[in-house]
């Protein structure tokens, strides 16, 4: 499913126009981006959590030349699916083992 398919599905499900659905989807995505840019996670109960992870600087190799290169540290977006989403995708009542991090 691409963005236009998603907009069409939202419009049909909510009974609104495609343009209104597109504006709504754009507003949601922009709000998620702004929150992540500030370093704040976005949690949608039952669906999942968007967060920002940190990737450390590391050494890599240029595949063409084989030369060693430095890869800078970076912030990367992450998504962790919620239990309701896991159950819906798996088709079972058990989402599988849950990992508790402390």
PDB file of N, CA and C in Angstrom:
ATOM      1  N   UNK A   1       0.859  -1.169   0.000  1.00  0.00           N
ATOM      2  CA  UNK A   1       0.000   0.000   0.000  1.00  0.00           C
ATOM      3  C   UNK A   1       0.902   1.228   0.000  1.00  0.00           C
ATOM      4  N   UNK A   2       0.633   2.148  -0.900  1.00  0.00           N
ATOM      5  CA  UNK A   2       1.387   3.395  -0.921  1.00  0.00           C
ATOM      6  C   UNK A   2       0.533   4.516  -0.326  1.00  0.00           C
ATOM      7  N   UNK A   3       1.060   5.738  -0.338  1.00  0.00           N
ATOM      8  CA  UNK A   3       0.374   6.843   0.316  1.00  0.00           C
ATOM      9  C   UNK A   3      -0.994   7.123  -0.303  1.00  0.00           C
ATOM     10  N   UNK A   4      -1.096   7.084  -1.628  1.00  0.00           N
ATOM     11  CA  UNK A   4      -2.389   7.379  -2.258  1.00  0.00           C
ATOM     12  C   UNK A   4      -3.422   6.295  -1.933  1.00  0.00           C
ATOM     13  N   UNK A   5      -2.973   5.043  -1.841  1.00  0.00           N
ATOM     14  CA  UNK A   5      -3.883   3.964  -1.433  1.00  0.00           C
ATOM     15  C   UNK A   5      -4.357   4.172   0.002  1.00  0.00           C
ATOM     16  N   UNK A   6      -3.438   4.604   0.864  1.00  0.00           N
ATOM     17  CA  UNK A   6      -3.779   4.854   2.264  1.00  0.00           C
ATOM     18  C   UNK A   6      -4.760   6.018   2.380  1.00  0.00           C
ATOM     19  N   UNK A   7      -4.537   7.073   1.625  1.00  0.00           N
ATOM     20  CA  UNK A   7      -5.449   8.227   1.632  1.00  0.00           C
ATOM     21  C   UNK A   7      -6.843   7.781   1.196  1.00  0.00           C
ATOM     22  N   UNK A   8      -6.915   6.970   0.153  1.00  0.00           N
ATOM     23  CA  UNK A   8      -8.208   6.477  -0.329  1.00  0.00           C
ATOM     24  C   UNK A   8      -8.906   5.624   0.729  1.00  0.00           C
ATOM     25  N   UNK A   9      -8.150   4.771   1.412  1.00  0.00           N
ATOM     26  CA  UNK A   9      -8.729   3.919   2.463  1.00  0.00           C
ATOM     27  C   UNK A   9      -9.222   4.756   3.640  1.00  0.00           C
ATOM     28  N   UNK A  10      -8.470   5.781   4.013  1.00  0.00           N
ATOM     29  CA  UNK A  10      -8.876   6.663   5.110  1.00  0.00           C
ATOM     30  C   UNK A  10     -10.152   7.408   4.730  1.00  0.00           C
ATOM     31  N   UNK A  11     -10.186   7.937   3.514  1.00  0.00           N
ATOM     32  CA  UNK A  11     -11.361   8.685   3.056  1.00  0.00           C
ATOM     33  C   UNK A  11     -12.606   7.808   3.066  1.00  0.00           C
ATOM     34  N   UNK A  12     -12.473   6.590   2.583  1.00  0.00           N
ATOM     35  CA  UNK A  12     -13.617   5.667   2.533  1.00  0.00           C
ATOM     36  C   UNK A  12     -14.067   5.283   3.940  1.00  0.00           C
ATOM     37  N   UNK A  13     -13.105   4.953   4.808  1.00  0.00           N
ATOM     38  CA  UNK A  13     -13.419   4.519   6.166  1.00  0.00           C
ATOM     39  C   UNK A  13     -14.049   5.630   6.998  1.00  0.00           C
ATOM     40  N   UNK A  14     -13.541   6.863   6.862  1.00  0.00           N
ATOM     41  CA  UNK A  14     -14.028   7.979   7.664  1.00  0.00           C
ATOM     42  C   UNK A  14     -15.188   8.723   7.014  1.00  0.00           C
ATOM     43  N   UNK A  15     -15.472   8.403   5.749  1.00  0.00           N
ATOM     44  CA  UNK A  15     -16.561   9.087   5.057  1.00  0.00           C
ATOM     45  C   UNK A  15     -16.251  10.543   4.763  1.00  0.00           C
ATOM     46  N   UNK A  16     -14.986  10.821   4.423  1.00  0.00           N
ATOM     47  CA  UNK A  16     -14.577  12.179   4.101  1.00  0.00           C
ATOM     48  C   UNK A  16     -13.967  12.202   2.702  1.00  0.00           C
ATOM     49  N   UNK A  17     -13.701  13.402   2.199  1.00  0.00           N
ATOM     50  CA  UNK A  17     -13.123  13.508   0.863  1.00  0.00           C
ATOM     51  C   UNK A  17     -11.660  13.068   0.884  1.00  0.00           C
ATOM     52  N   UNK A  18     -11.147  12.722  -0.303  1.00  0.00           N
ATOM     53  CA  UNK A  18      -9.748  12.317  -0.406  1.00  0.00           C
ATOM     54  C   UNK A  18      -8.821  13.468  -0.040  1.00  0.00           C
ATOM     55  N   UNK A  19      -9.183  14.688  -0.408  1.00  0.00           N
ATOM     56  CA  UNK A  19      -8.322  15.829  -0.083  1.00  0.00           C
ATOM     57  C   UNK A  19      -8.263  16.057   1.425  1.00  0.00           C
ATOM     58  N   UNK A  20      -9.391  15.888   2.111  1.00  0.00           N
ATOM     59  CA  UNK A  20      -9.406  16.025   3.571  1.00  0.00           C
ATOM     60  C   UNK A  20      -8.585  14.907   4.215  1.00  0.00           C
ATOM     61  N   UNK A  21      -8.700  13.702   3.682  1.00  0.00           N
ATOM     62  CA  UNK A  21      -7.928  12.571   4.209  1.00  0.00           C
ATOM     63  C   UNK A  21      -6.435  12.788   3.988  1.00  0.00           C
ATOM     64  N   UNK A  22      -6.075  13.336   2.831  1.00  0.00           N
ATOM     65  CA  UNK A  22      -4.659  13.603   2.528  1.00  0.00           C
ATOM     66  C   UNK A  22      -4.105  14.666   3.470  1.00  0.00           C
ATOM     67  N   UNK A  23      -4.871  15.728   3.724  1.00  0.00           N
ATOM     68  CA  UNK A  23      -4.427  16.768   4.650  1.00  0.00           C
ATOM     69  C   UNK A  23      -4.263  16.213   6.063  1.00  0.00           C
ATOM     70  N   UNK A  24      -5.195  15.357   6.465  1.00  0.00           N
ATOM     71  CA  UNK A  24      -5.131  14.751   7.791  1.00  0.00           C
ATOM     72  C   UNK A  24      -3.899  13.864   7.929  1.00  0.00           C
ATOM     73  N   UNK A  25      -3.668  13.017   6.936  1.00  0.00           N
ATOM     74  CA  UNK A  25      -2.505  12.133   6.973  1.00  0.00           C
ATOM     75  C   UNK A  25      -1.212  12.943   6.989  1.00  0.00           C
ATOM     76  N   UNK A  26      -1.130  13.986   6.168  1.00  0.00           N
ATOM     77  CA  UNK A  26       0.058  14.844   6.148  1.00  0.00           C
ATOM     78  C   UNK A  26       0.274  15.511   7.503  1.00  0.00           C
ATOM     79  N   UNK A  27      -0.806  15.957   8.143  1.00  0.00           N
ATOM     80  CA  UNK A  27      -0.701  16.603   9.450  1.00  0.00           C
ATOM     81  C   UNK A  27      -0.210  15.612  10.511  1.00  0.00           C
ATOM     82  N   UNK A  28      -0.704  14.386  10.459  1.00  0.00           N
ATOM     83  CA  UNK A  28      -0.275  13.356  11.410  1.00  0.00           C
ATOM     84  C   UNK A  28       1.206  13.062  11.235  1.00  0.00           C
ATOM     85  N   UNK A  29       1.628  12.842   9.996  1.00  0.00           N
ATOM     86  CA  UNK A  29       3.028  12.519   9.734  1.00  0.00           C
ATOM     87  C   UNK A  29       3.944  13.678  10.123  1.00  0.00           C
ATOM     88  N   UNK A  30       3.519  14.895   9.847  1.00  0.00           N
ATOM     89  CA  UNK A  30       4.324  16.067  10.214  1.00  0.00           C
ATOM     90  C   UNK A  30       4.442  16.194  11.732  1.00  0.00           C
ATOM     91  N   UNK A  31       3.364  15.933  12.452  1.00  0.00           N
ATOM     92  CA  UNK A  31       3.395  15.995  13.914  1.00  0.00           C
ATOM     93  C   UNK A  31       4.334  14.951  14.496  1.00  0.00           C
ATOM     94  N   UNK A  32       4.317  13.746  13.921  1.00  0.00           N
ATOM     95  CA  UNK A  32       5.230  12.684  14.370  1.00  0.00           C
ATOM     96  C   UNK A  32       6.673  13.113  14.116  1.00  0.00           C
ATOM     97  N   UNK A  33       6.960  13.646  12.925  1.00  0.00           N
ATOM     98  CA  UNK A  33       8.313  14.094  12.592  1.00  0.00           C
ATOM     99  C   UNK A  33       8.803  15.169  13.550  1.00  0.00           C
ATOM    100  N   UNK A  34       7.946  16.167  13.832  1.00  0.00           N
ATOM    101  CA  UNK A  34       8.337  17.255  14.728  1.00  0.00           C
ATOM    102  C   UNK A  34       8.643  16.740  16.126  1.00  0.00           C
ATOM    103  N   UNK A  35       7.816  15.833  16.613  1.00  0.00           N
ATOM    104  CA  UNK A  35       8.025  15.280  17.944  1.00  0.00           C
ATOM    105  C   UNK A  35       9.331  14.487  18.007  1.00  0.00           C
ATOM    106  N   UNK A  36       9.594  13.669  16.987  1.00  0.00           N
ATOM    107  CA  UNK A  36      10.829  12.887  16.961  1.00  0.00           C
ATOM    108  C   UNK A  36      12.046  13.792  16.837  1.00  0.00           C
ATOM    109  N   UNK A  37      11.929  14.872  16.067  1.00  0.00           N
ATOM    110  CA  UNK A  37      13.041  15.798  15.902  1.00  0.00           C
ATOM    111  C   UNK A  37      13.421  16.439  17.235  1.00  0.00           C
ATOM    112  N   UNK A  38      12.419  16.665  18.097  1.00  0.00           N
ATOM    113  CA  UNK A  38      12.663  17.206  19.432  1.00  0.00           C
ATOM    114  C   UNK A  38      13.201  16.133  20.388  1.00  0.00           C
ATOM    115  N   UNK A  39      13.165  14.863  19.957  1.00  0.00           N
ATOM    116  CA  UNK A  39      13.642  13.772  20.812  1.00  0.00           C
ATOM    117  C   UNK A  39      12.549  13.126  21.642  1.00  0.00           C
ATOM    118  N   UNK A  40      11.305  13.491  21.382  1.00  0.00           N
ATOM    119  CA  UNK A  40      10.179  12.938  22.138  1.00  0.00           C
ATOM    120  C   UNK A  40       9.579  11.736  21.411  1.00  0.00           C
ATOM    121  N   UNK A  41       9.314  10.636  22.117  1.00  0.00           N
ATOM    122  CA  UNK A  41       8.664   9.496  21.473  1.00  0.00           C
ATOM    123  C   UNK A  41       7.180   9.778  21.227  1.00  0.00           C
ATOM    124  N   UNK A  42       6.603   9.068  20.273  1.00  0.00           N
ATOM    125  CA  UNK A  42       5.172   9.170  19.978  1.00  0.00           C
ATOM    126  C   UNK A  42       4.586   7.780  20.195  1.00  0.00           C
ATOM    127  N   UNK A  43       3.701   7.660  21.178  1.00  0.00           N
ATOM    128  CA  UNK A  43       3.126   6.372  21.525  1.00  0.00           C
ATOM    129  C   UNK A  43       1.650   6.335  21.149  1.00  0.00           C
ATOM    130  N   UNK A  44       1.273   5.377  20.320  1.00  0.00           N
ATOM    131  CA  UNK A  44      -0.119   5.161  19.930  1.00  0.00           C
ATOM    132  C   UNK A  44      -0.521   3.813  20.526  1.00  0.00           C
ATOM    133  N   UNK A  45      -1.242   3.862  21.638  1.00  0.00           N
ATOM    134  CA  UNK A  45      -1.577   2.657  22.394  1.00  0.00           C
ATOM    135  C   UNK A  45      -2.258   1.635  21.491  1.00  0.00           C
ATOM    136  N   UNK A  46      -1.739   0.416  21.507  1.00  0.00           N
ATOM    137  CA  UNK A  46      -2.276  -0.665  20.693  1.00  0.00           C
ATOM    138  C   UNK A  46      -1.649  -0.746  19.315  1.00  0.00           C
ATOM    139  N   UNK A  47      -1.097   0.347  18.826  1.00  0.00           N
ATOM    140  CA  UNK A  47      -0.472   0.353  17.500  1.00  0.00           C
ATOM    141  C   UNK A  47       1.036   0.234  17.612  1.00  0.00           C
ATOM    142  N   UNK A  48       1.652   1.148  18.358  1.00  0.00           N
ATOM    143  CA  UNK A  48       3.094   1.077  18.526  1.00  0.00           C
ATOM    144  C   UNK A  48       3.673   2.398  18.970  1.00  0.00           C
ATOM    145  N   UNK A  49       5.006   2.426  19.052  1.00  0.00           N
ATOM    146  CA  UNK A  49       5.716   3.600  19.512  1.00  0.00           C
ATOM    147  C   UNK A  49       6.811   3.974  18.531  1.00  0.00           C
ATOM    148  N   UNK A  50       6.821   5.240  18.136  1.00  0.00           N
ATOM    149  CA  UNK A  50       7.895   5.795  17.329  1.00  0.00           C
ATOM    150  C   UNK A  50       8.870   6.444  18.294  1.00  0.00           C
ATOM    151  N   UNK A  51      10.164   6.224  18.100  1.00  0.00           N
ATOM    152  CA  UNK A  51      11.163   6.836  18.970  1.00  0.00           C
ATOM    153  C   UNK A  51      12.418   7.138  18.167  1.00  0.00           C
ATOM    154  N   UNK A  52      13.366   7.786  18.836  1.00  0.00           N
ATOM    155  CA  UNK A  52      14.637   8.120  18.206  1.00  0.00           C
ATOM    156  C   UNK A  52      15.730   7.315  18.888  1.00  0.00           C
ATOM    157  N   UNK A  53      16.516   6.615  18.080  1.00  0.00           N
ATOM    158  CA  UNK A  53      17.645   5.862  18.599  1.00  0.00           C
ATOM    159  C   UNK A  53      18.939   6.529  18.193  1.00  0.00           C
ATOM    160  N   UNK A  54      19.999   6.164  18.855  1.00  0.00           N
ATOM    161  CA  UNK A  54      21.306   6.727  18.530  1.00  0.00           C
ATOM    162  C   UNK A  54      22.186   5.633  17.950  1.00  0.00           C
ATOM    163  N   UNK A  55      22.816   5.936  16.841  1.00  0.00           N
ATOM    164  CA  UNK A  55      23.750   5.011  16.211  1.00  0.00           C
ATOM    165  C   UNK A  55      25.149   5.598  16.416  1.00  0.00           C
ATOM    166  N   UNK A  56      26.033   4.835  17.025  1.00  0.00           N
ATOM    167  CA  UNK A  56      27.380   5.306  17.331  1.00  0.00           C
ATOM    168  C   UNK A  56      28.209   5.455  16.054  1.00  0.00           C
ATOM    169  N   UNK A  57      29.230   6.293  16.152  1.00  0.00           N
ATOM    170  CA  UNK A  57      30.177   6.431  15.040  1.00  0.00           C
ATOM    171  C   UNK A  57      30.919   5.104  14.893  1.00  0.00           C
ATOM    172  N   UNK A  58      31.265   4.786  13.666  1.00  0.00           N
ATOM    173  CA  UNK A  58      31.937   3.503  13.442  1.00  0.00           C
ATOM    174  C   UNK A  58      32.771   3.568  12.174  1.00  0.00           C
ATOM    175  N   UNK A  59      33.586   2.568  11.997  1.00  0.00           N
ATOM    176  CA  UNK A  59      34.396   2.478  10.787  1.00  0.00           C
ATOM    177  C   UNK A  59      33.664   1.587   9.795  1.00  0.00           C
ATOM    178  N   UNK A  60      33.738   1.939   8.526  1.00  0.00           N
ATOM    179  CA  UNK A  60      33.116   1.142   7.475  1.00  0.00           C
ATOM    180  C   UNK A  60      34.074   1.000   6.312  1.00  0.00           C
ATOM    181  N   UNK A  61      33.627   0.318   5.279  1.00  0.00           N
ATOM    182  CA  UNK A  61      34.454   0.136   4.088  1.00  0.00           C
ATOM    183  C   UNK A  61      33.696   0.582   2.865  1.00  0.00           C
ATOM    184  N   UNK A  62      34.401   1.251   1.976  1.00  0.00           N
ATOM    185  CA  UNK A  62      33.847   1.609   0.685  1.00  0.00           C
ATOM    186  C   UNK A  62      33.822   0.324  -0.138  1.00  0.00           C
ATOM    187  N   UNK A  63      32.643  -0.151  -0.559  1.00  0.00           N
ATOM    188  CA  UNK A  63      32.575  -1.428  -1.271  1.00  0.00           C
ATOM    189  C   UNK A  63      33.277  -1.406  -2.630  1.00  0.00           C
ATOM    190  N   UNK A  64      33.403  -0.237  -3.215  1.00  0.00           N
ATOM    191  CA  UNK A  64      34.036  -0.136  -4.522  1.00  0.00           C
ATOM    192  C   UNK A  64      35.564  -0.212  -4.430  1.00  0.00           C
ATOM    193  N   UNK A  65      36.119   0.532  -3.445  1.00  0.00           N
ATOM    194  CA  UNK A  65      37.580   0.608  -3.357  1.00  0.00           C
ATOM    195  C   UNK A  65      38.163  -0.226  -2.226  1.00  0.00           C
ATOM    196  N   UNK A  66      37.330  -0.571  -1.242  1.00  0.00           N
ATOM    197  CA  UNK A  66      37.818  -1.322  -0.088  1.00  0.00           C
ATOM    198  C   UNK A  66      38.475  -0.430   0.950  1.00  0.00           C
ATOM    199  N   UNK A  67      38.507   0.881   0.707  1.00  0.00           N
ATOM    200  CA  UNK A  67      39.126   1.817   1.643  1.00  0.00           C
ATOM    201  C   UNK A  67      38.278   1.958   2.900  1.00  0.00           C
ATOM    202  N   UNK A  68      38.944   2.131   4.037  1.00  0.00           N
ATOM    203  CA  UNK A  68      38.247   2.338   5.300  1.00  0.00           C
ATOM    204  C   UNK A  68      37.747   3.779   5.356  1.00  0.00           C
ATOM    205  N   UNK A  69      36.498   3.941   5.794  1.00  0.00           N
ATOM    206  CA  UNK A  69      35.912   5.273   5.931  1.00  0.00           C
ATOM    207  C   UNK A  69      35.309   5.410   7.317  1.00  0.00           C
ATOM    208  N   UNK A  70      35.167   6.652   7.770  1.00  0.00           N
ATOM    209  CA  UNK A  70      34.532   6.921   9.056  1.00  0.00           C
ATOM    210  C   UNK A  70      33.067   7.236   8.810  1.00  0.00           C
ATOM    211  N   UNK A  71      32.198   6.567   9.547  1.00  0.00           N
ATOM    212  CA  UNK A  71      30.758   6.828   9.458  1.00  0.00           C
ATOM    213  C   UNK A  71      30.377   7.587  10.726  1.00  0.00           C
ATOM    214  N   UNK A  72      29.780   8.762  10.561  1.00  0.00           N
ATOM    215  CA  UNK A  72      29.434   9.622  11.691  1.00  0.00           C
ATOM    216  C   UNK A  72      28.333   9.003  12.546  1.00  0.00           C
ATOM    217  N   UNK A  73      28.290   9.416  13.796  1.00  0.00           N
ATOM    218  CA  UNK A  73      27.192   9.046  14.681  1.00  0.00           C
ATOM    219  C   UNK A  73      25.914   9.678  14.123  1.00  0.00           C
ATOM    220  N   UNK A  74      24.785   9.035  14.353  1.00  0.00           N
ATOM    221  CA  UNK A  74      23.533   9.545  13.806  1.00  0.00           C
ATOM    222  C   UNK A  74      22.355   9.205  14.712  1.00  0.00           C
ATOM    223  N   UNK A  75      21.328  10.024  14.612  1.00  0.00           N
ATOM    224  CA  UNK A  75      20.050   9.724  15.248  1.00  0.00           C
ATOM    225  C   UNK A  75      19.190   9.049  14.190  1.00  0.00           C
ATOM    226  N   UNK A  76      18.528   7.945  14.557  1.00  0.00           N
ATOM    227  CA  UNK A  76      17.718   7.207  13.596  1.00  0.00           C
ATOM    228  C   UNK A  76      16.319   6.961  14.160  1.00  0.00           C
ATOM    229  N   UNK A  77      15.296   7.035  13.310  1.00  0.00           N
ATOM    230  CA  UNK A  77      13.940   6.746  13.782  1.00  0.00           C
ATOM    231  C   UNK A  77      13.761   5.243  13.991  1.00  0.00           C
ATOM    232  N   UNK A  78      12.987   4.907  15.020  1.00  0.00           N
ATOM    233  CA  UNK A  78      12.687   3.502  15.312  1.00  0.00           C
ATOM    234  C   UNK A  78      11.186   3.356  15.513  1.00  0.00           C
ATOM    235  N   UNK A  79      10.687   2.155  15.265  1.00  0.00           N
ATOM    236  CA  UNK A  79       9.280   1.858  15.507  1.00  0.00           C
ATOM    237  C   UNK A  79       9.187   0.525  16.209  1.00  0.00           C
ATOM    238  N   UNK A  80       8.426   0.490  17.288  1.00  0.00           N
ATOM    239  CA  UNK A  80       8.206  -0.760  18.017  1.00  0.00           C
ATOM    240  C   UNK A  80       6.703  -1.025  18.020  1.00  0.00           C
ATOM    241  N   UNK A  81       6.304  -2.127  17.424  1.00  0.00           N
ATOM    242  CA  UNK A  81       4.880  -2.456  17.283  1.00  0.00           C
ATOM    243  C   UNK A  81       4.256  -2.783  18.634  1.00  0.00           C
ATOM    244  N   UNK A  82       2.987  -2.367  18.809  1.00  0.00           N
ATOM    245  CA  UNK A  82       2.228  -2.676  20.014  1.00  0.00           C
ATOM    246  C   UNK A  82       1.600  -4.059  19.913  1.00  0.00           C
ATOM    247  N   UNK A  83       1.122  -4.565  21.028  1.00  0.00           N
ATOM    248  CA  UNK A  83       0.557  -5.920  21.066  1.00  0.00           C
ATOM    249  C   UNK A  83      -0.654  -6.099  20.155  1.00  0.00           C
ATOM    250  N   UNK A  84      -1.553  -5.116  20.099  1.00  0.00           N
ATOM    251  CA  UNK A  84      -2.740  -5.247  19.243  1.00  0.00           C
ATOM    252  C   UNK A  84      -2.347  -5.345  17.774  1.00  0.00           C
ATOM    253  N   UNK A  85      -1.344  -4.597  17.368  1.00  0.00           N
ATOM    254  CA  UNK A  85      -0.860  -4.671  15.987  1.00  0.00           C
ATOM    255  C   UNK A  85      -0.207  -6.023  15.719  1.00  0.00           C
ATOM    256  N   UNK A  86       0.571  -6.508  16.675  1.00  0.00           N
ATOM    257  CA  UNK A  86       1.223  -7.816  16.528  1.00  0.00           C
ATOM    258  C   UNK A  86       0.182  -8.928  16.376  1.00  0.00           C
ATOM    259  N   UNK A  87      -0.866  -8.855  17.204  1.00  0.00           N
ATOM    260  CA  UNK A  87      -1.933  -9.866  17.135  1.00  0.00           C
ATOM    261  C   UNK A  87      -2.656  -9.787  15.799  1.00  0.00           C
ATOM    262  N   UNK A  88      -2.956  -8.579  15.333  1.00  0.00           N
ATOM    263  CA  UNK A  88      -3.669  -8.415  14.064  1.00  0.00           C
ATOM    264  C   UNK A  88      -2.852  -8.962  12.900  1.00  0.00           C
ATOM    265  N   UNK A  89      -1.547  -8.736  12.915  1.00  0.00           N
ATOM    266  CA  UNK A  89      -0.689  -9.188  11.825  1.00  0.00           C
ATOM    267  C   UNK A  89      -0.468 -10.689  11.876  1.00  0.00           C
ATOM    268  N   UNK A  90      -0.295 -11.236  13.090  1.00  0.00           N
ATOM    269  CA  UNK A  90       0.004 -12.665  13.218  1.00  0.00           C
ATOM    270  C   UNK A  90      -1.225 -13.540  13.010  1.00  0.00           C
ATOM    271  N   UNK A  91      -2.413 -12.991  13.260  1.00  0.00           N
ATOM    272  CA  UNK A  91      -3.629 -13.766  13.091  1.00  0.00           C
ATOM    273  C   UNK A  91      -3.908 -14.700  14.257  1.00  0.00           C
ATOM    274  N   UNK A  92      -3.162 -14.553  15.353  1.00  0.00           N
ATOM    275  CA  UNK A  92      -3.379 -15.374  16.542  1.00  0.00           C
ATOM    276  C   UNK A  92      -3.691 -14.467  17.718  1.00  0.00           C
ATOM    277  N   UNK A  93      -4.052 -15.075  18.836  1.00  0.00           N
ATOM    278  CA  UNK A  93      -4.330 -14.297  20.038  1.00  0.00           C
ATOM    279  C   UNK A  93      -3.075 -14.022  20.849  1.00  0.00           C
ATOM    280  N   UNK A  94      -1.954 -14.664  20.492  1.00  0.00           N
ATOM    281  CA  UNK A  94      -0.726 -14.510  21.252  1.00  0.00           C
ATOM    282  C   UNK A  94       0.299 -13.758  20.396  1.00  0.00           C
ATOM    283  N   UNK A  95       0.700 -12.546  20.808  1.00  0.00           N
ATOM    284  CA  UNK A  95       1.660 -11.785  20.023  1.00  0.00           C
ATOM    285  C   UNK A  95       3.080 -12.316  20.112  1.00  0.00           C
ATOM    286  N   UNK A  96       3.305 -13.321  20.927  1.00  0.00           N
ATOM    287  CA  UNK A  96       4.661 -13.870  21.073  1.00  0.00           C
ATOM    288  C   UNK A  96       5.308 -13.352  22.332  1.00  0.00           C
ATOM    289  N   UNK A  97       6.566 -13.724  22.547  1.00  0.00           N
ATOM    290  CA  UNK A  97       7.234 -13.312  23.782  1.00  0.00           C
ATOM    291  C   UNK A  97       7.411 -11.804  23.853  1.00  0.00           C
ATOM    292  N   UNK A  98       7.261 -11.301  25.038  1.00  0.00           N
ATOM    293  CA  UNK A  98       7.432  -9.871  25.271  1.00  0.00           C
ATOM    294  C   UNK A  98       8.743  -9.656  25.986  1.00  0.00           C
ATOM    295  N   UNK A  99       9.495  -8.674  25.552  1.00  0.00           N
ATOM    296  CA  UNK A  99      10.782  -8.382  26.161  1.00  0.00           C
ATOM    297  C   UNK A  99      10.610  -7.165  27.055  1.00  0.00           C
ATOM    298  N   UNK A 100      10.956  -7.326  28.312  1.00  0.00           N
ATOM    299  CA  UNK A 100      10.897  -6.220  29.255  1.00  0.00           C
ATOM    300  C   UNK A 100      12.296  -5.699  29.450  1.00  0.00           C
ATOM    301  N   UNK A 101      12.481  -4.420  29.140  1.00  0.00           N
ATOM    302  CA  UNK A 101      13.798  -3.795  29.308  1.00  0.00           C
ATOM    303  C   UNK A 101      13.793  -2.933  30.543  1.00  0.00           C
ATOM    304  N   UNK A 102      14.869  -2.986  31.255  1.00  0.00           N
ATOM    305  CA  UNK A 102      14.971  -2.193  32.490  1.00  0.00           C
ATOM    306  C   UNK A 102      16.101  -1.235  32.402  1.00  0.00           C
TER     307      UNK A 102
END
